[in-house]
Amino acid sequence: MALSHSVTQSHNYAVVLGEENGNRRLPIVIGGFEAQAIAVALENMTPNRPLTHDLFKNTLDAFDINLKEVVINNLLDGIFYAQLICEMDGNVMQIDARTSDAISMAVRYGCPIYTFDFIMESAGVILDDEEQQKRKEGIKTSCCIHRRNEYCQSGKTPR
């Protein structure tokens, strides 16, 4: 996972997710505050007071709810959609979330991020030869996106 300034939208950033066992990347444009929330978690920083995502994680933890995975489940009119897949007492719950919030929570929980082939085919970009060479030399990204063949654990199709 990487964060960078967006070249297409000023005052925005792009979070770039890498495909596990592949060479595609999924760039997602997010706002500055969302980028900061992700960066704080990636850098293992501890703010003086909990940020919103930290508060949400603390709340889930207090009620023994575990975030198992994040699914980027749709792309409509350039907007990504995501769901948090949570588990409590053996019950699986799907919670609709903004993709930037879902990524921020995934980083905090260290859980996998999944998406579907149709999203990678539509919005994914392929690494250039230089970047592929860096990967062969052992330079790795800190977060990968996984291919999702089925939707969550319920067999539902994306919305």
N, C-alpha and C. Protein backbone atom coordinates (compact mmCIF):
# COMPACT_ATOMS: atom_id res chain seq x y z
N MET A 1 0.86 -1.16 0.00
CA MET A 1 0.00 0.00 0.00
C MET A 1 0.90 1.22 0.00
N ALA A 2 0.52 2.18 -0.80
CA ALA A 2 1.27 3.43 -0.85
C ALA A 2 0.29 4.59 -0.91
N LEU A 3 0.72 5.74 -0.41
CA LEU A 3 -0.06 6.97 -0.51
C LEU A 3 0.72 7.96 -1.33
N SER A 4 0.03 8.69 -2.21
CA SER A 4 0.69 9.73 -2.98
C SER A 4 -0.31 10.82 -3.31
N HIS A 5 0.20 11.98 -3.71
CA HIS A 5 -0.69 13.05 -4.14
C HIS A 5 -1.37 12.64 -5.44
N SER A 6 -2.62 12.99 -5.60
CA SER A 6 -3.35 12.69 -6.82
C SER A 6 -2.97 13.71 -7.88
N VAL A 7 -2.61 13.23 -9.06
CA VAL A 7 -2.27 14.14 -10.14
C VAL A 7 -3.51 14.62 -10.87
N THR A 8 -4.63 13.93 -10.68
CA THR A 8 -5.85 14.30 -11.39
C THR A 8 -6.77 15.20 -10.58
N GLN A 9 -6.66 15.15 -9.25
CA GLN A 9 -7.54 15.95 -8.40
C GLN A 9 -6.69 16.64 -7.34
N SER A 10 -6.64 17.97 -7.40
CA SER A 10 -5.83 18.70 -6.43
C SER A 10 -6.40 18.53 -5.03
N HIS A 11 -5.53 18.62 -4.04
CA HIS A 11 -5.86 18.48 -2.62
C HIS A 11 -6.35 17.08 -2.26
N ASN A 12 -6.12 16.13 -3.13
CA ASN A 12 -6.49 14.75 -2.85
C ASN A 12 -5.25 13.87 -2.93
N TYR A 13 -5.40 12.68 -2.46
CA TYR A 13 -4.33 11.69 -2.46
C TYR A 13 -4.85 10.43 -3.14
N ALA A 14 -3.93 9.54 -3.46
CA ALA A 14 -4.31 8.24 -3.98
C ALA A 14 -3.69 7.19 -3.08
N VAL A 15 -4.50 6.26 -2.64
CA VAL A 15 -3.98 5.07 -1.97
C VAL A 15 -3.88 4.01 -3.06
N VAL A 16 -2.74 3.37 -3.14
CA VAL A 16 -2.49 2.40 -4.20
C VAL A 16 -2.32 1.03 -3.58
N LEU A 17 -3.24 0.14 -3.90
CA LEU A 17 -3.20 -1.22 -3.37
C LEU A 17 -2.58 -2.13 -4.41
N GLY A 18 -1.72 -3.04 -3.98
CA GLY A 18 -1.06 -3.96 -4.89
C GLY A 18 -1.75 -5.32 -4.91
N GLU A 19 -1.82 -5.92 -6.07
CA GLU A 19 -2.43 -7.23 -6.25
C GLU A 19 -1.49 -8.31 -5.72
N GLU A 20 -2.02 -9.20 -4.89
CA GLU A 20 -1.22 -10.31 -4.41
C GLU A 20 -0.97 -11.28 -5.56
N ASN A 21 0.28 -11.69 -5.72
CA ASN A 21 0.67 -12.61 -6.79
C ASN A 21 0.31 -12.09 -8.18
N GLY A 22 0.42 -10.80 -8.36
CA GLY A 22 0.13 -10.20 -9.66
C GLY A 22 0.86 -8.88 -9.79
N ASN A 23 0.71 -8.25 -10.94
CA ASN A 23 1.42 -7.00 -11.18
C ASN A 23 0.49 -5.80 -11.34
N ARG A 24 -0.78 -5.97 -11.01
CA ARG A 24 -1.71 -4.85 -11.12
C ARG A 24 -1.78 -4.08 -9.80
N ARG A 25 -2.09 -2.80 -9.93
CA ARG A 25 -2.30 -1.93 -8.78
C ARG A 25 -3.68 -1.31 -8.91
N LEU A 26 -4.29 -1.03 -7.76
CA LEU A 26 -5.60 -0.41 -7.74
C LEU A 26 -5.48 0.96 -7.06
N PRO A 27 -5.42 2.04 -7.86
CA PRO A 27 -5.34 3.38 -7.26
C PRO A 27 -6.74 3.88 -6.90
N ILE A 28 -6.88 4.40 -5.68
CA ILE A 28 -8.16 4.91 -5.19
C ILE A 28 -7.92 6.32 -4.68
N VAL A 29 -8.61 7.30 -5.27
CA VAL A 29 -8.45 8.70 -4.87
C VAL A 29 -9.22 8.93 -3.58
N ILE A 30 -8.53 9.54 -2.60
CA ILE A 30 -9.15 9.82 -1.30
C ILE A 30 -8.78 11.24 -0.89
N GLY A 31 -9.48 11.76 0.10
CA GLY A 31 -9.22 13.10 0.60
C GLY A 31 -8.04 13.13 1.56
N GLY A 32 -7.64 14.34 1.91
CA GLY A 32 -6.49 14.54 2.79
C GLY A 32 -6.67 13.96 4.18
N PHE A 33 -7.84 14.14 4.78
CA PHE A 33 -8.09 13.61 6.11
C PHE A 33 -8.08 12.08 6.11
N GLU A 34 -8.64 11.51 5.05
CA GLU A 34 -8.66 10.06 4.93
C GLU A 34 -7.24 9.52 4.76
N ALA A 35 -6.43 10.22 3.97
CA ALA A 35 -5.04 9.82 3.77
C ALA A 35 -4.28 9.89 5.09
N GLN A 36 -4.55 10.92 5.87
CA GLN A 36 -3.89 11.07 7.17
C GLN A 36 -4.26 9.91 8.10
N ALA A 37 -5.53 9.53 8.11
CA ALA A 37 -5.97 8.43 8.97
C ALA A 37 -5.27 7.13 8.60
N ILE A 38 -5.09 6.90 7.31
CA ILE A 38 -4.40 5.69 6.85
C ILE A 38 -2.91 5.78 7.18
N ALA A 39 -2.31 6.93 6.95
CA ALA A 39 -0.88 7.11 7.21
C ALA A 39 -0.55 6.92 8.69
N VAL A 40 -1.39 7.44 9.57
CA VAL A 40 -1.17 7.29 11.01
C VAL A 40 -1.11 5.81 11.37
N ALA A 41 -2.02 5.02 10.82
CA ALA A 41 -2.03 3.58 11.12
C ALA A 41 -0.85 2.86 10.47
N LEU A 42 -0.52 3.22 9.23
CA LEU A 42 0.61 2.57 8.54
C LEU A 42 1.92 2.81 9.27
N GLU A 43 2.07 4.01 9.83
CA GLU A 43 3.31 4.39 10.51
C GLU A 43 3.30 4.01 11.98
N ASN A 44 2.24 3.34 12.44
CA ASN A 44 2.10 2.94 13.84
C ASN A 44 2.24 4.12 14.80
N MET A 45 1.72 5.25 14.40
CA MET A 45 1.75 6.45 15.24
C MET A 45 0.63 6.36 16.28
N THR A 46 0.87 6.93 17.45
CA THR A 46 -0.14 6.97 18.49
C THR A 46 -0.46 8.42 18.82
N PRO A 47 -1.59 8.93 18.32
CA PRO A 47 -1.96 10.30 18.63
C PRO A 47 -2.31 10.46 20.12
N ASN A 48 -2.27 11.70 20.61
CA ASN A 48 -2.60 11.95 22.02
C ASN A 48 -4.01 11.49 22.36
N ARG A 49 -4.93 11.69 21.46
CA ARG A 49 -6.33 11.27 21.64
C ARG A 49 -6.68 10.38 20.45
N PRO A 50 -7.59 9.42 20.63
CA PRO A 50 -7.93 8.52 19.53
C PRO A 50 -8.59 9.24 18.37
N LEU A 51 -8.15 8.89 17.16
CA LEU A 51 -8.82 9.37 15.96
C LEU A 51 -10.11 8.57 15.78
N THR A 52 -10.96 9.01 14.88
CA THR A 52 -12.27 8.37 14.68
C THR A 52 -12.14 6.87 14.41
N HIS A 53 -11.18 6.49 13.55
CA HIS A 53 -11.02 5.07 13.22
C HIS A 53 -10.51 4.29 14.43
N ASP A 54 -9.68 4.93 15.26
CA ASP A 54 -9.21 4.28 16.48
C ASP A 54 -10.38 4.09 17.45
N LEU A 55 -11.22 5.10 17.56
CA LEU A 55 -12.41 5.00 18.41
C LEU A 55 -13.31 3.86 17.94
N PHE A 56 -13.52 3.77 16.63
CA PHE A 56 -14.36 2.70 16.09
C PHE A 56 -13.74 1.34 16.38
N LYS A 57 -12.43 1.21 16.19
CA LYS A 57 -11.75 -0.06 16.49
C LYS A 57 -11.89 -0.38 17.97
N ASN A 58 -11.68 0.61 18.84
CA ASN A 58 -11.81 0.38 20.28
C ASN A 58 -13.22 -0.07 20.64
N THR A 59 -14.22 0.50 19.97
CA THR A 59 -15.61 0.12 20.23
C THR A 59 -15.87 -1.32 19.79
N LEU A 60 -15.42 -1.67 18.59
CA LEU A 60 -15.58 -3.04 18.12
C LEU A 60 -14.88 -4.02 19.07
N ASP A 61 -13.67 -3.67 19.48
CA ASP A 61 -12.93 -4.54 20.40
C ASP A 61 -13.65 -4.69 21.73
N ALA A 62 -14.22 -3.60 22.25
CA ALA A 62 -14.92 -3.63 23.54
C ALA A 62 -16.12 -4.58 23.50
N PHE A 63 -16.75 -4.71 22.33
CA PHE A 63 -17.91 -5.59 22.19
C PHE A 63 -17.53 -6.93 21.57
N ASP A 64 -16.22 -7.21 21.52
CA ASP A 64 -15.70 -8.48 21.01
C ASP A 64 -16.15 -8.75 19.58
N ILE A 65 -16.11 -7.70 18.76
CA ILE A 65 -16.42 -7.82 17.34
C ILE A 65 -15.09 -7.76 16.59
N ASN A 66 -14.83 -8.74 15.74
CA ASN A 66 -13.57 -8.82 15.02
C ASN A 66 -13.77 -8.45 13.55
N LEU A 67 -12.95 -7.55 13.05
CA LEU A 67 -12.97 -7.24 11.62
C LEU A 67 -12.13 -8.31 10.92
N LYS A 68 -12.79 -9.16 10.15
CA LYS A 68 -12.14 -10.29 9.51
C LYS A 68 -11.52 -9.93 8.17
N GLU A 69 -12.22 -9.08 7.39
CA GLU A 69 -11.73 -8.69 6.07
C GLU A 69 -12.49 -7.48 5.57
N VAL A 70 -11.91 -6.87 4.56
CA VAL A 70 -12.54 -5.75 3.84
C VAL A 70 -12.73 -6.21 2.41
N VAL A 71 -13.90 -5.91 1.85
CA VAL A 71 -14.17 -6.25 0.45
C VAL A 71 -14.52 -4.97 -0.30
N ILE A 72 -13.71 -4.63 -1.29
CA ILE A 72 -14.06 -3.55 -2.21
C ILE A 72 -14.96 -4.22 -3.23
N ASN A 73 -16.27 -3.98 -3.09
CA ASN A 73 -17.24 -4.83 -3.79
C ASN A 73 -17.88 -4.22 -5.02
N ASN A 74 -17.64 -2.94 -5.29
CA ASN A 74 -18.23 -2.38 -6.50
C ASN A 74 -17.52 -1.10 -6.89
N LEU A 75 -17.73 -0.72 -8.14
CA LEU A 75 -17.22 0.51 -8.72
C LEU A 75 -18.30 1.05 -9.64
N LEU A 76 -18.92 2.15 -9.22
CA LEU A 76 -20.00 2.76 -10.00
C LEU A 76 -19.68 4.22 -10.23
N ASP A 77 -19.66 4.63 -11.49
CA ASP A 77 -19.41 6.03 -11.85
C ASP A 77 -18.15 6.57 -11.20
N GLY A 78 -17.10 5.75 -11.14
CA GLY A 78 -15.83 6.18 -10.59
C GLY A 78 -15.74 6.15 -9.07
N ILE A 79 -16.78 5.68 -8.41
CA ILE A 79 -16.80 5.62 -6.95
C ILE A 79 -16.70 4.16 -6.52
N PHE A 80 -15.70 3.89 -5.65
CA PHE A 80 -15.53 2.54 -5.11
C PHE A 80 -16.47 2.36 -3.91
N TYR A 81 -16.98 1.15 -3.76
CA TYR A 81 -17.82 0.78 -2.62
C TYR A 81 -17.13 -0.35 -1.87
N ALA A 82 -17.31 -0.36 -0.55
CA ALA A 82 -16.64 -1.38 0.25
C ALA A 82 -17.54 -1.84 1.38
N GLN A 83 -17.18 -2.99 1.93
CA GLN A 83 -17.86 -3.51 3.10
C GLN A 83 -16.84 -4.05 4.09
N LEU A 84 -17.15 -3.84 5.37
CA LEU A 84 -16.40 -4.44 6.45
C LEU A 84 -17.09 -5.77 6.76
N ILE A 85 -16.32 -6.85 6.81
CA ILE A 85 -16.87 -8.15 7.15
C ILE A 85 -16.42 -8.44 8.58
N CYS A 86 -17.39 -8.39 9.49
CA CYS A 86 -17.12 -8.55 10.92
C CYS A 86 -17.71 -9.84 11.43
N GLU A 87 -17.14 -10.32 12.54
CA GLU A 87 -17.62 -11.55 13.15
C GLU A 87 -17.75 -11.33 14.65
N MET A 88 -18.90 -11.79 15.20
CA MET A 88 -19.13 -11.75 16.64
C MET A 88 -19.90 -13.01 17.03
N ASP A 89 -19.34 -13.76 17.93
CA ASP A 89 -19.98 -14.99 18.41
C ASP A 89 -20.38 -15.93 17.27
N GLY A 90 -19.54 -16.01 16.25
CA GLY A 90 -19.82 -16.90 15.14
C GLY A 90 -20.74 -16.33 14.08
N ASN A 91 -21.31 -15.17 14.32
CA ASN A 91 -22.19 -14.51 13.35
C ASN A 91 -21.38 -13.54 12.50
N VAL A 92 -21.55 -13.62 11.19
CA VAL A 92 -20.84 -12.74 10.27
C VAL A 92 -21.77 -11.60 9.87
N MET A 93 -21.25 -10.37 9.97
CA MET A 93 -22.02 -9.18 9.62
C MET A 93 -21.29 -8.42 8.52
N GLN A 94 -22.03 -7.84 7.60
CA GLN A 94 -21.47 -7.02 6.54
C GLN A 94 -21.91 -5.58 6.79
N ILE A 95 -20.93 -4.68 6.87
CA ILE A 95 -21.22 -3.28 7.17
C ILE A 95 -20.74 -2.43 6.00
N ASP A 96 -21.65 -1.68 5.40
CA ASP A 96 -21.31 -0.78 4.31
C ASP A 96 -20.37 0.30 4.81
N ALA A 97 -19.35 0.65 4.02
CA ALA A 97 -18.37 1.65 4.44
C ALA A 97 -17.80 2.37 3.23
N ARG A 98 -17.38 3.61 3.46
CA ARG A 98 -16.60 4.28 2.42
C ARG A 98 -15.30 3.49 2.28
N THR A 99 -14.80 3.39 1.07
CA THR A 99 -13.61 2.58 0.83
C THR A 99 -12.41 3.09 1.62
N SER A 100 -12.25 4.40 1.73
CA SER A 100 -11.12 4.94 2.50
C SER A 100 -11.23 4.56 3.97
N ASP A 101 -12.44 4.58 4.52
CA ASP A 101 -12.63 4.17 5.92
C ASP A 101 -12.36 2.68 6.08
N ALA A 102 -12.81 1.89 5.13
CA ALA A 102 -12.59 0.45 5.18
C ALA A 102 -11.10 0.13 5.14
N ILE A 103 -10.36 0.81 4.28
CA ILE A 103 -8.91 0.60 4.19
C ILE A 103 -8.24 1.01 5.50
N SER A 104 -8.66 2.12 6.06
CA SER A 104 -8.10 2.59 7.33
C SER A 104 -8.33 1.56 8.44
N MET A 105 -9.50 0.95 8.46
CA MET A 105 -9.80 -0.08 9.45
C MET A 105 -8.99 -1.35 9.18
N ALA A 106 -8.83 -1.71 7.91
CA ALA A 106 -8.04 -2.91 7.56
C ALA A 106 -6.60 -2.76 8.04
N VAL A 107 -6.04 -1.57 7.88
CA VAL A 107 -4.67 -1.34 8.33
C VAL A 107 -4.59 -1.48 9.85
N ARG A 108 -5.56 -0.96 10.56
CA ARG A 108 -5.57 -1.05 12.02
C ARG A 108 -5.72 -2.48 12.51
N TYR A 109 -6.50 -3.29 11.81
CA TYR A 109 -6.71 -4.67 12.21
C TYR A 109 -5.71 -5.63 11.57
N GLY A 110 -5.02 -5.20 10.55
CA GLY A 110 -4.11 -6.10 9.85
C GLY A 110 -4.84 -7.19 9.10
N CYS A 111 -6.05 -6.89 8.64
CA CYS A 111 -6.85 -7.89 7.95
C CYS A 111 -6.71 -7.74 6.44
N PRO A 112 -7.04 -8.78 5.69
CA PRO A 112 -6.90 -8.73 4.23
C PRO A 112 -7.94 -7.82 3.58
N ILE A 113 -7.58 -7.30 2.42
CA ILE A 113 -8.46 -6.49 1.59
C ILE A 113 -8.68 -7.28 0.30
N TYR A 114 -9.95 -7.50 -0.04
CA TYR A 114 -10.30 -8.25 -1.24
C TYR A 114 -11.03 -7.36 -2.23
N THR A 115 -10.96 -7.76 -3.49
CA THR A 115 -11.81 -7.15 -4.51
C THR A 115 -12.10 -8.20 -5.58
N PHE A 116 -12.86 -7.80 -6.57
CA PHE A 116 -13.27 -8.70 -7.65
C PHE A 116 -12.48 -8.40 -8.91
N ASP A 117 -12.38 -9.40 -9.79
CA ASP A 117 -11.67 -9.23 -11.06
C ASP A 117 -12.26 -8.08 -11.88
N PHE A 118 -13.60 -7.94 -11.89
CA PHE A 118 -14.19 -6.89 -12.72
C PHE A 118 -13.75 -5.50 -12.27
N ILE A 119 -13.45 -5.33 -10.99
CA ILE A 119 -12.95 -4.03 -10.51
C ILE A 119 -11.50 -3.85 -10.93
N MET A 120 -10.69 -4.89 -10.79
CA MET A 120 -9.28 -4.79 -11.21
C MET A 120 -9.18 -4.58 -12.72
N GLU A 121 -10.06 -5.22 -13.48
CA GLU A 121 -10.03 -5.05 -14.94
C GLU A 121 -10.46 -3.64 -15.34
N SER A 122 -11.36 -3.06 -14.58
CA SER A 122 -11.88 -1.74 -14.91
C SER A 122 -10.97 -0.61 -14.41
N ALA A 123 -10.44 -0.74 -13.19
CA ALA A 123 -9.72 0.38 -12.58
C ALA A 123 -8.26 0.07 -12.26
N GLY A 124 -7.86 -1.18 -12.40
CA GLY A 124 -6.48 -1.54 -12.09
C GLY A 124 -5.50 -1.04 -13.15
N VAL A 125 -4.28 -0.82 -12.72
CA VAL A 125 -3.20 -0.44 -13.64
C VAL A 125 -2.09 -1.48 -13.51
N ILE A 126 -1.37 -1.68 -14.60
CA ILE A 126 -0.30 -2.68 -14.63
C ILE A 126 1.03 -1.99 -14.36
N LEU A 127 1.86 -2.65 -13.57
CA LEU A 127 3.18 -2.12 -13.26
C LEU A 127 4.03 -2.02 -14.53
N ASP A 128 4.88 -1.02 -14.58
CA ASP A 128 5.82 -0.94 -15.70
C ASP A 128 6.99 -1.89 -15.45
N ASP A 129 7.87 -2.06 -16.43
CA ASP A 129 8.98 -3.01 -16.34
C ASP A 129 9.91 -2.70 -15.18
N GLU A 130 10.17 -1.41 -14.90
CA GLU A 130 11.06 -1.02 -13.81
C GLU A 130 10.49 -1.46 -12.46
N GLU A 131 9.22 -1.26 -12.27
CA GLU A 131 8.58 -1.65 -11.02
C GLU A 131 8.55 -3.16 -10.87
N GLN A 132 8.32 -3.88 -11.98
CA GLN A 132 8.34 -5.34 -11.92
C GLN A 132 9.73 -5.84 -11.53
N GLN A 133 10.78 -5.20 -12.02
CA GLN A 133 12.14 -5.58 -11.68
C GLN A 133 12.40 -5.37 -10.19
N LYS A 134 11.92 -4.25 -9.63
CA LYS A 134 12.08 -4.00 -8.20
C LYS A 134 11.44 -5.11 -7.38
N ARG A 135 10.27 -5.57 -7.81
CA ARG A 135 9.59 -6.65 -7.09
C ARG A 135 10.42 -7.93 -7.15
N LYS A 136 11.02 -8.20 -8.31
CA LYS A 136 11.83 -9.41 -8.44
C LYS A 136 13.06 -9.34 -7.54
N GLU A 137 13.56 -8.12 -7.28
CA GLU A 137 14.73 -7.94 -6.44
C GLU A 137 14.38 -7.96 -4.96
N GLY A 138 13.12 -8.16 -4.64
CA GLY A 138 12.75 -8.32 -3.24
C GLY A 138 12.15 -7.10 -2.58
N ILE A 139 11.90 -6.03 -3.31
CA ILE A 139 11.26 -4.87 -2.73
C ILE A 139 9.76 -5.13 -2.74
N LYS A 140 9.16 -5.14 -1.55
CA LYS A 140 7.76 -5.53 -1.43
C LYS A 140 6.92 -4.38 -0.94
N THR A 141 5.64 -4.44 -1.28
CA THR A 141 4.69 -3.47 -0.74
C THR A 141 4.21 -3.97 0.61
N SER A 142 3.70 -3.06 1.45
CA SER A 142 3.30 -3.44 2.79
C SER A 142 1.88 -3.98 2.86
N CYS A 143 1.11 -3.86 1.82
CA CYS A 143 -0.27 -4.34 1.85
C CYS A 143 -0.66 -4.79 0.46
N CYS A 144 -1.33 -5.91 0.39
CA CYS A 144 -1.75 -6.43 -0.91
C CYS A 144 -3.26 -6.54 -0.96
N ILE A 145 -3.76 -6.50 -2.16
CA ILE A 145 -5.19 -6.72 -2.38
C ILE A 145 -5.34 -8.12 -2.95
N HIS A 146 -6.32 -8.84 -2.45
CA HIS A 146 -6.52 -10.23 -2.83
C HIS A 146 -7.68 -10.33 -3.80
N ARG A 147 -7.60 -11.30 -4.70
CA ARG A 147 -8.71 -11.55 -5.63
C ARG A 147 -9.84 -12.21 -4.86
N ARG A 148 -11.02 -11.76 -5.14
CA ARG A 148 -12.21 -12.29 -4.45
C ARG A 148 -13.05 -13.03 -5.47
N ASN A 149 -13.16 -14.35 -5.32
CA ASN A 149 -13.94 -15.15 -6.25
C ASN A 149 -15.39 -15.27 -5.84
N GLU A 150 -15.63 -15.23 -4.55
CA GLU A 150 -17.00 -15.26 -4.08
C GLU A 150 -17.19 -14.06 -3.19
N TYR A 151 -18.40 -13.66 -3.01
CA TYR A 151 -18.67 -12.47 -2.24
C TYR A 151 -18.84 -12.83 -0.77
N CYS A 152 -17.95 -12.27 0.03
CA CYS A 152 -17.97 -12.51 1.48
C CYS A 152 -18.08 -14.00 1.72
N GLN A 153 -18.93 -14.38 2.62
CA GLN A 153 -19.10 -15.80 2.86
C GLN A 153 -20.55 -16.18 2.64
N SER A 154 -21.31 -15.26 2.06
CA SER A 154 -22.74 -15.50 1.93
C SER A 154 -23.17 -15.88 0.53
N GLY A 155 -22.25 -15.79 -0.45
CA GLY A 155 -22.61 -16.11 -1.82
C GLY A 155 -23.35 -15.01 -2.54
N LYS A 156 -23.45 -13.83 -1.93
CA LYS A 156 -24.16 -12.73 -2.58
C LYS A 156 -23.30 -12.15 -3.69
N THR A 157 -23.95 -11.57 -4.67
CA THR A 157 -23.22 -10.89 -5.73
C THR A 157 -23.04 -9.43 -5.34
N PRO A 158 -22.05 -8.73 -5.93
CA PRO A 158 -21.86 -7.33 -5.58
C PRO A 158 -23.06 -6.49 -5.94
N ARG A 159 -23.25 -5.42 -5.19
CA ARG A 159 -24.41 -4.56 -5.46
C ARG A 159 -24.22 -3.72 -6.67
